[in-house]
Amino acid sequence: MEKFNVLQSTAVPLPIENIDTDQIIPARFLKATSREGFGENLFRDWRYDSSGQPNTQFVLNDPRFQGQVLVAGKNFGCGSSREHAAWALFDAGFKVVISSYFADIFRGNALNNGLLPLQVEDSVLERLLKQIEEDPGTELIIDLPAEQLYVPAWEQRIPFEIESYKKECLLNGYDDIDYLVSQKEAIEAFEKNRVWVY
């Protein structure tokens, strides 16, 4: 996985609540088993009409909004547990999703795939969405080591929480196997010194 430290980016606002994983990546596109290529079908049924033409009213087709941060409504990633939802978001270029609530399984899948689910208070989310819609050039700075979201336009730092193990994995670009490999010396020392009981 890519290392994640500090990200500075504009953002894409998606003020819709209860976005489920079938809306993020519809089931008919789950035939592949590798992570690549899912981004082109991210929010497929919202981005395109029934004839396959871009829906100009949908935010991902609006050239004003760009960036590696998706700011979405409350309860993001609910529904089925498909890991492909995280794959699609990451493949489409998103490194962070900001919401005021994430479904637990989606949160885990996101973190396992290098995508940071950043949870803020409802009031902060509402203000962020309004800010970005009014000024698409609004920049956000996500400082993972400090666990802070900085909004320069507000001159405000907003703390967020992340479990320490997943934070270490993101900072180092580790998946679970990479993390175990990084602990090889400690594991070997433990095995060498442990007391065996038969």
C-alpha atoms as a PDB file:
ATOM      1  CA  MET A   1       0.000   0.000   0.000  1.00  0.00           C
ATOM      2  CA  GLU A   2       0.993   3.631  -0.367  1.00  0.00           C
ATOM      3  CA  LYS A   3       2.264   5.434   2.714  1.00  0.00           C
ATOM      4  CA  PHE A   4      -0.080   8.066   4.125  1.00  0.00           C
ATOM      5  CA  ASN A   5       1.338  10.971   6.115  1.00  0.00           C
ATOM      6  CA  VAL A   6      -0.010  14.449   5.370  1.00  0.00           C
ATOM      7  CA  LEU A   7      -2.426  15.074   2.501  1.00  0.00           C
ATOM      8  CA  GLN A   8      -3.308  18.522   1.177  1.00  0.00           C
ATOM      9  CA  SER A   9      -6.132  18.529  -1.339  1.00  0.00           C
ATOM     10  CA  THR A  10      -9.343  20.083  -2.509  1.00  0.00           C
ATOM     11  CA  ALA A  11     -12.469  17.979  -2.015  1.00  0.00           C
ATOM     12  CA  VAL A  12     -15.562  16.601  -3.707  1.00  0.00           C
ATOM     13  CA  PRO A  13     -18.856  17.171  -1.825  1.00  0.00           C
ATOM     14  CA  LEU A  14     -21.494  14.438  -1.853  1.00  0.00           C
ATOM     15  CA  PRO A  15     -24.194  15.525   0.639  1.00  0.00           C
ATOM     16  CA  ILE A  16     -26.226  12.315   0.521  1.00  0.00           C
ATOM     17  CA  GLU A  17     -26.892  10.267   3.650  1.00  0.00           C
ATOM     18  CA  ASN A  18     -26.959   6.466   3.922  1.00  0.00           C
ATOM     19  CA  ILE A  19     -24.792   5.809   0.850  1.00  0.00           C
ATOM     20  CA  ASP A  20     -24.533   2.040   0.734  1.00  0.00           C
ATOM     21  CA  THR A  21     -21.886  -0.126  -0.879  1.00  0.00           C
ATOM     22  CA  ASP A  22     -24.172  -1.063  -3.789  1.00  0.00           C
ATOM     23  CA  GLN A  23     -24.392   2.621  -4.687  1.00  0.00           C
ATOM     24  CA  ILE A  24     -20.629   2.989  -4.332  1.00  0.00           C
ATOM     25  CA  ILE A  25     -19.953   0.013  -6.638  1.00  0.00           C
ATOM     26  CA  PRO A  26     -23.006  -1.810  -8.041  1.00  0.00           C
ATOM     27  CA  ALA A  27     -23.035  -5.600  -7.693  1.00  0.00           C
ATOM     28  CA  ARG A  28     -22.901  -6.229 -11.431  1.00  0.00           C
ATOM     29  CA  PHE A  29     -19.314  -4.930 -11.485  1.00  0.00           C
ATOM     30  CA  LEU A  30     -17.948  -7.327  -8.851  1.00  0.00           C
ATOM     31  CA  LYS A  31     -16.644  -9.950 -11.260  1.00  0.00           C
ATOM     32  CA  ALA A  32     -12.934  -9.082 -10.982  1.00  0.00           C
ATOM     33  CA  THR A  33     -10.772 -10.158  -8.072  1.00  0.00           C
ATOM     34  CA  SER A  34      -7.904  -7.665  -8.420  1.00  0.00           C
ATOM     35  CA  ARG A  35      -8.236  -4.137  -7.058  1.00  0.00           C
ATOM     36  CA  GLU A  36      -7.606  -2.294 -10.313  1.00  0.00           C
ATOM     37  CA  GLY A  37     -10.272  -0.958 -12.647  1.00  0.00           C
ATOM     38  CA  PHE A  38     -13.117  -0.465 -10.176  1.00  0.00           C
ATOM     39  CA  GLY A  39     -12.779   3.326 -10.144  1.00  0.00           C
ATOM     40  CA  GLU A  40     -14.390   3.727 -13.553  1.00  0.00           C
ATOM     41  CA  ASN A  41     -17.621   2.285 -12.136  1.00  0.00           C
ATOM     42  CA  LEU A  42     -17.601   4.223  -8.855  1.00  0.00           C
ATOM     43  CA  PHE A  43     -21.164   5.502  -8.260  1.00  0.00           C
ATOM     44  CA  ARG A  44     -21.965   4.132 -11.727  1.00  0.00           C
ATOM     45  CA  ASP A  45     -25.749   4.436 -11.461  1.00  0.00           C
ATOM     46  CA  TRP A  46     -25.486   8.064 -10.342  1.00  0.00           C
ATOM     47  CA  ARG A  47     -22.699   9.107 -12.743  1.00  0.00           C
ATOM     48  CA  TYR A  48     -24.362   7.778 -15.907  1.00  0.00           C
ATOM     49  CA  ASP A  49     -27.870   7.533 -17.268  1.00  0.00           C
ATOM     50  CA  SER A  50     -29.452   4.342 -18.637  1.00  0.00           C
ATOM     51  CA  SER A  51     -27.840   4.923 -22.055  1.00  0.00           C
ATOM     52  CA  GLY A  52     -24.375   5.257 -20.534  1.00  0.00           C
ATOM     53  CA  GLN A  53     -24.133   9.029 -20.947  1.00  0.00           C
ATOM     54  CA  PRO A  54     -22.652  11.114 -18.092  1.00  0.00           C
ATOM     55  CA  ASN A  55     -25.189  12.636 -15.722  1.00  0.00           C
ATOM     56  CA  THR A  56     -24.100  16.287 -15.742  1.00  0.00           C
ATOM     57  CA  GLN A  57     -25.942  16.886 -12.459  1.00  0.00           C
ATOM     58  CA  PHE A  58     -23.767  14.419 -10.534  1.00  0.00           C
ATOM     59  CA  VAL A  59     -20.823  15.884  -8.655  1.00  0.00           C
ATOM     60  CA  LEU A  60     -18.157  13.550 -10.101  1.00  0.00           C
ATOM     61  CA  ASN A  61     -19.068  14.906 -13.543  1.00  0.00           C
ATOM     62  CA  ASP A  62     -18.820  18.516 -12.373  1.00  0.00           C
ATOM     63  CA  PRO A  63     -15.395  19.943 -13.346  1.00  0.00           C
ATOM     64  CA  ARG A  64     -15.552  22.464 -10.498  1.00  0.00           C
ATOM     65  CA  PHE A  65     -14.957  19.713  -7.954  1.00  0.00           C
ATOM     66  CA  GLN A  66     -11.678  17.820  -7.904  1.00  0.00           C
ATOM     67  CA  GLY A  67      -9.400  16.301  -5.307  1.00  0.00           C
ATOM     68  CA  GLN A  68      -8.397  13.245  -3.315  1.00  0.00           C
ATOM     69  CA  VAL A  69     -10.946  13.823  -0.549  1.00  0.00           C
ATOM     70  CA  LEU A  70     -14.614  12.845  -0.721  1.00  0.00           C
ATOM     71  CA  VAL A  71     -16.855  14.611   1.800  1.00  0.00           C
ATOM     72  CA  ALA A  72     -20.028  12.538   2.081  1.00  0.00           C
ATOM     73  CA  GLY A  73     -23.221  12.513   4.102  1.00  0.00           C
ATOM     74  CA  LYS A  74     -23.789  10.631   7.341  1.00  0.00           C
ATOM     75  CA  ASN A  75     -23.729   6.799   7.457  1.00  0.00           C
ATOM     76  CA  PHE A  76     -21.352   6.195   4.587  1.00  0.00           C
ATOM     77  CA  GLY A  77     -20.628   2.629   3.442  1.00  0.00           C
ATOM     78  CA  CYS A  78     -23.654   0.897   4.953  1.00  0.00           C
ATOM     79  CA  GLY A  79     -25.187  -2.189   3.354  1.00  0.00           C
ATOM     80  CA  SER A  80     -23.269  -5.256   2.214  1.00  0.00           C
ATOM     81  CA  SER A  81     -19.702  -5.880   3.316  1.00  0.00           C
ATOM     82  CA  ARG A  82     -18.065  -5.801  -0.134  1.00  0.00           C
ATOM     83  CA  GLU A  83     -14.414  -4.754  -0.027  1.00  0.00           C
ATOM     84  CA  HIS A  84     -14.783  -3.614  -3.626  1.00  0.00           C
ATOM     85  CA  ALA A  85     -16.344  -0.363  -2.363  1.00  0.00           C
ATOM     86  CA  ALA A  86     -13.024   0.674  -0.827  1.00  0.00           C
ATOM     87  CA  TRP A  87     -11.190  -0.544  -3.943  1.00  0.00           C
ATOM     88  CA  ALA A  88     -13.408   1.607  -6.190  1.00  0.00           C
ATOM     89  CA  LEU A  89     -12.915   4.758  -4.143  1.00  0.00           C
ATOM     90  CA  PHE A  90      -9.151   4.304  -3.967  1.00  0.00           C
ATOM     91  CA  ASP A  91      -8.886   3.386  -7.658  1.00  0.00           C
ATOM     92  CA  ALA A  92     -10.804   6.562  -8.526  1.00  0.00           C
ATOM     93  CA  GLY A  93      -8.127   8.607  -6.765  1.00  0.00           C
ATOM     94  CA  PHE A  94      -9.635   9.187  -3.344  1.00  0.00           C
ATOM     95  CA  LYS A  95      -7.322   8.849  -0.336  1.00  0.00           C
ATOM     96  CA  VAL A  96      -9.759  10.115   2.311  1.00  0.00           C
ATOM     97  CA  VAL A  97     -13.513   9.954   2.876  1.00  0.00           C
ATOM     98  CA  ILE A  98     -14.938  12.365   5.445  1.00  0.00           C
ATOM     99  CA  SER A  99     -18.312  11.682   7.044  1.00  0.00           C
ATOM    100  CA  SER A 100     -19.948  11.935  10.444  1.00  0.00           C
ATOM    101  CA  TYR A 101     -20.523   8.164  10.603  1.00  0.00           C
ATOM    102  CA  PHE A 102     -19.142   5.098   8.825  1.00  0.00           C
ATOM    103  CA  ALA A 103     -20.461   1.566   8.770  1.00  0.00           C
ATOM    104  CA  ASP A 104     -18.035  -0.599  10.761  1.00  0.00           C
ATOM    105  CA  ILE A 105     -17.265  -3.109   8.001  1.00  0.00           C
ATOM    106  CA  PHE A 106     -16.679  -0.362   5.454  1.00  0.00           C
ATOM    107  CA  ARG A 107     -14.354   1.419   7.899  1.00  0.00           C
ATOM    108  CA  GLY A 108     -12.300  -1.763   8.293  1.00  0.00           C
ATOM    109  CA  ASN A 109     -12.189  -2.431   4.553  1.00  0.00           C
ATOM    110  CA  ALA A 110     -11.135   1.155   3.867  1.00  0.00           C
ATOM    111  CA  LEU A 111      -8.288   1.074   6.386  1.00  0.00           C
ATOM    112  CA  ASN A 112      -7.128  -2.301   5.063  1.00  0.00           C
ATOM    113  CA  ASN A 113      -6.800  -0.776   1.605  1.00  0.00           C
ATOM    114  CA  GLY A 114      -5.049   2.509   2.385  1.00  0.00           C
ATOM    115  CA  LEU A 115      -8.198   4.660   2.392  1.00  0.00           C
ATOM    116  CA  LEU A 116      -8.672   6.867   5.480  1.00  0.00           C
ATOM    117  CA  PRO A 117     -12.255   7.097   6.799  1.00  0.00           C
ATOM    118  CA  LEU A 118     -12.133  10.365   8.736  1.00  0.00           C
ATOM    119  CA  GLN A 119     -15.057  10.864  11.107  1.00  0.00           C
ATOM    120  CA  VAL A 120     -16.149  14.329  12.245  1.00  0.00           C
ATOM    121  CA  GLU A 121     -19.111  15.724  14.180  1.00  0.00           C
ATOM    122  CA  ASP A 122     -22.370  16.302  12.295  1.00  0.00           C
ATOM    123  CA  SER A 123     -21.999  20.075  12.676  1.00  0.00           C
ATOM    124  CA  VAL A 124     -18.468  20.006  11.210  1.00  0.00           C
ATOM    125  CA  LEU A 125     -19.622  17.854   8.286  1.00  0.00           C
ATOM    126  CA  GLU A 126     -22.507  20.195   7.504  1.00  0.00           C
ATOM    127  CA  ARG A 127     -20.181  23.202   7.596  1.00  0.00           C
ATOM    128  CA  LEU A 128     -17.573  21.456   5.424  1.00  0.00           C
ATOM    129  CA  LEU A 129     -20.113  20.533   2.757  1.00  0.00           C
ATOM    130  CA  LYS A 130     -21.410  24.096   2.639  1.00  0.00           C
ATOM    131  CA  GLN A 131     -17.881  25.521   2.469  1.00  0.00           C
ATOM    132  CA  ILE A 132     -16.831  23.255  -0.423  1.00  0.00           C
ATOM    133  CA  GLU A 133     -20.038  23.801  -2.391  1.00  0.00           C
ATOM    134  CA  GLU A 134     -19.633  27.580  -2.069  1.00  0.00           C
ATOM    135  CA  ASP A 135     -15.884  27.517  -2.767  1.00  0.00           C
ATOM    136  CA  PRO A 136     -14.723  24.454  -4.756  1.00  0.00           C
ATOM    137  CA  GLY A 137     -11.119  25.629  -4.315  1.00  0.00           C
ATOM    138  CA  THR A 138     -11.278  25.061  -0.561  1.00  0.00           C
ATOM    139  CA  GLU A 139      -8.251  23.068   0.545  1.00  0.00           C
ATOM    140  CA  LEU A 140      -8.157  20.557   3.365  1.00  0.00           C
ATOM    141  CA  ILE A 141      -5.029  19.294   5.104  1.00  0.00           C
ATOM    142  CA  ILE A 142      -5.236  15.860   6.682  1.00  0.00           C
ATOM    143  CA  ASP A 143      -2.361  15.352   9.121  1.00  0.00           C
ATOM    144  CA  LEU A 144      -2.401  11.678  10.076  1.00  0.00           C
ATOM    145  CA  PRO A 145       0.541  11.768  12.551  1.00  0.00           C
ATOM    146  CA  ALA A 146      -1.169  14.600  14.476  1.00  0.00           C
ATOM    147  CA  GLU A 147      -4.666  13.140  13.899  1.00  0.00           C
ATOM    148  CA  GLN A 148      -5.932  16.522  12.764  1.00  0.00           C
ATOM    149  CA  LEU A 149      -7.998  17.882   9.908  1.00  0.00           C
ATOM    150  CA  TYR A 150      -6.940  21.466   9.190  1.00  0.00           C
ATOM    151  CA  VAL A 151      -9.215  23.779   7.237  1.00  0.00           C
ATOM    152  CA  PRO A 152      -7.112  26.821   6.258  1.00  0.00           C
ATOM    153  CA  ALA A 153     -10.204  28.823   5.249  1.00  0.00           C
ATOM    154  CA  TRP A 154     -11.419  28.557   8.840  1.00  0.00           C
ATOM    155  CA  GLU A 155      -7.980  28.656  10.439  1.00  0.00           C
ATOM    156  CA  GLN A 156      -9.224  25.691  12.455  1.00  0.00           C
ATOM    157  CA  ARG A 157      -7.757  22.318  13.375  1.00  0.00           C
ATOM    158  CA  ILE A 158     -10.268  19.522  13.967  1.00  0.00           C
ATOM    159  CA  PRO A 159      -9.069  16.414  15.811  1.00  0.00           C
ATOM    160  CA  PHE A 160     -10.054  12.940  14.673  1.00  0.00           C
ATOM    161  CA  GLU A 161      -9.398   9.484  16.096  1.00  0.00           C
ATOM    162  CA  ILE A 162      -7.880   6.408  14.527  1.00  0.00           C
ATOM    163  CA  GLU A 163      -6.937   3.094  16.111  1.00  0.00           C
ATOM    164  CA  SER A 164      -3.170   3.040  16.761  1.00  0.00           C
ATOM    165  CA  TYR A 165      -2.481  -0.194  14.845  1.00  0.00           C
ATOM    166  CA  LYS A 166      -4.233   1.022  11.700  1.00  0.00           C
ATOM    167  CA  LYS A 167      -2.543   4.394  12.026  1.00  0.00           C
ATOM    168  CA  GLU A 168       0.866   2.685  12.052  1.00  0.00           C
ATOM    169  CA  CYS A 169      -0.115   0.601   9.018  1.00  0.00           C
ATOM    170  CA  LEU A 170      -1.200   3.681   7.037  1.00  0.00           C
ATOM    171  CA  LEU A 171       1.903   5.659   7.976  1.00  0.00           C
ATOM    172  CA  ASN A 172       4.165   2.829   6.815  1.00  0.00           C
ATOM    173  CA  GLY A 173       2.095   1.597   3.862  1.00  0.00           C
ATOM    174  CA  TYR A 174       1.572  -1.776   5.540  1.00  0.00           C
ATOM    175  CA  ASP A 175      -1.201  -4.280   5.077  1.00  0.00           C
ATOM    176  CA  ASP A 176      -1.609  -6.872   7.839  1.00  0.00           C
ATOM    177  CA  ILE A 177       1.015  -9.193   6.332  1.00  0.00           C
ATOM    178  CA  ASP A 178       3.512  -6.351   5.853  1.00  0.00           C
ATOM    179  CA  TYR A 179       3.064  -5.443   9.514  1.00  0.00           C
ATOM    180  CA  LEU A 180       3.812  -8.999  10.640  1.00  0.00           C
ATOM    181  CA  VAL A 181       6.928  -9.072   8.443  1.00  0.00           C
ATOM    182  CA  SER A 182       8.051  -5.793  10.030  1.00  0.00           C
ATOM    183  CA  GLN A 183       7.881  -7.509  13.420  1.00  0.00           C
ATOM    184  CA  LYS A 184      10.051 -10.443  12.328  1.00  0.00           C
ATOM    185  CA  GLU A 185      12.916  -9.743  14.739  1.00  0.00           C
ATOM    186  CA  ALA A 186      10.582  -9.328  17.705  1.00  0.00           C
ATOM    187  CA  ILE A 187       8.735 -12.538  16.809  1.00  0.00           C
ATOM    188  CA  GLU A 188      11.989 -14.484  16.443  1.00  0.00           C
ATOM    189  CA  ALA A 189      13.247 -13.152  19.787  1.00  0.00           C
ATOM    190  CA  PHE A 190      10.001 -14.151  21.455  1.00  0.00           C
ATOM    191  CA  GLU A 191      10.122 -17.640  19.976  1.00  0.00           C
ATOM    192  CA  LYS A 192      13.749 -18.060  21.011  1.00  0.00           C
ATOM    193  CA  ASN A 193      13.102 -17.101  24.611  1.00  0.00           C
ATOM    194  CA  ARG A 194       9.663 -18.544  25.245  1.00  0.00           C
ATOM    195  CA  VAL A 195       9.221 -21.391  27.677  1.00  0.00           C
ATOM    196  CA  TRP A 196       7.805 -24.440  25.965  1.00  0.00           C
ATOM    197  CA  VAL A 197       5.333 -26.548  27.938  1.00  0.00           C
ATOM    198  CA  TYR A 198       4.654 -30.123  26.834  1.00  0.00           C
END
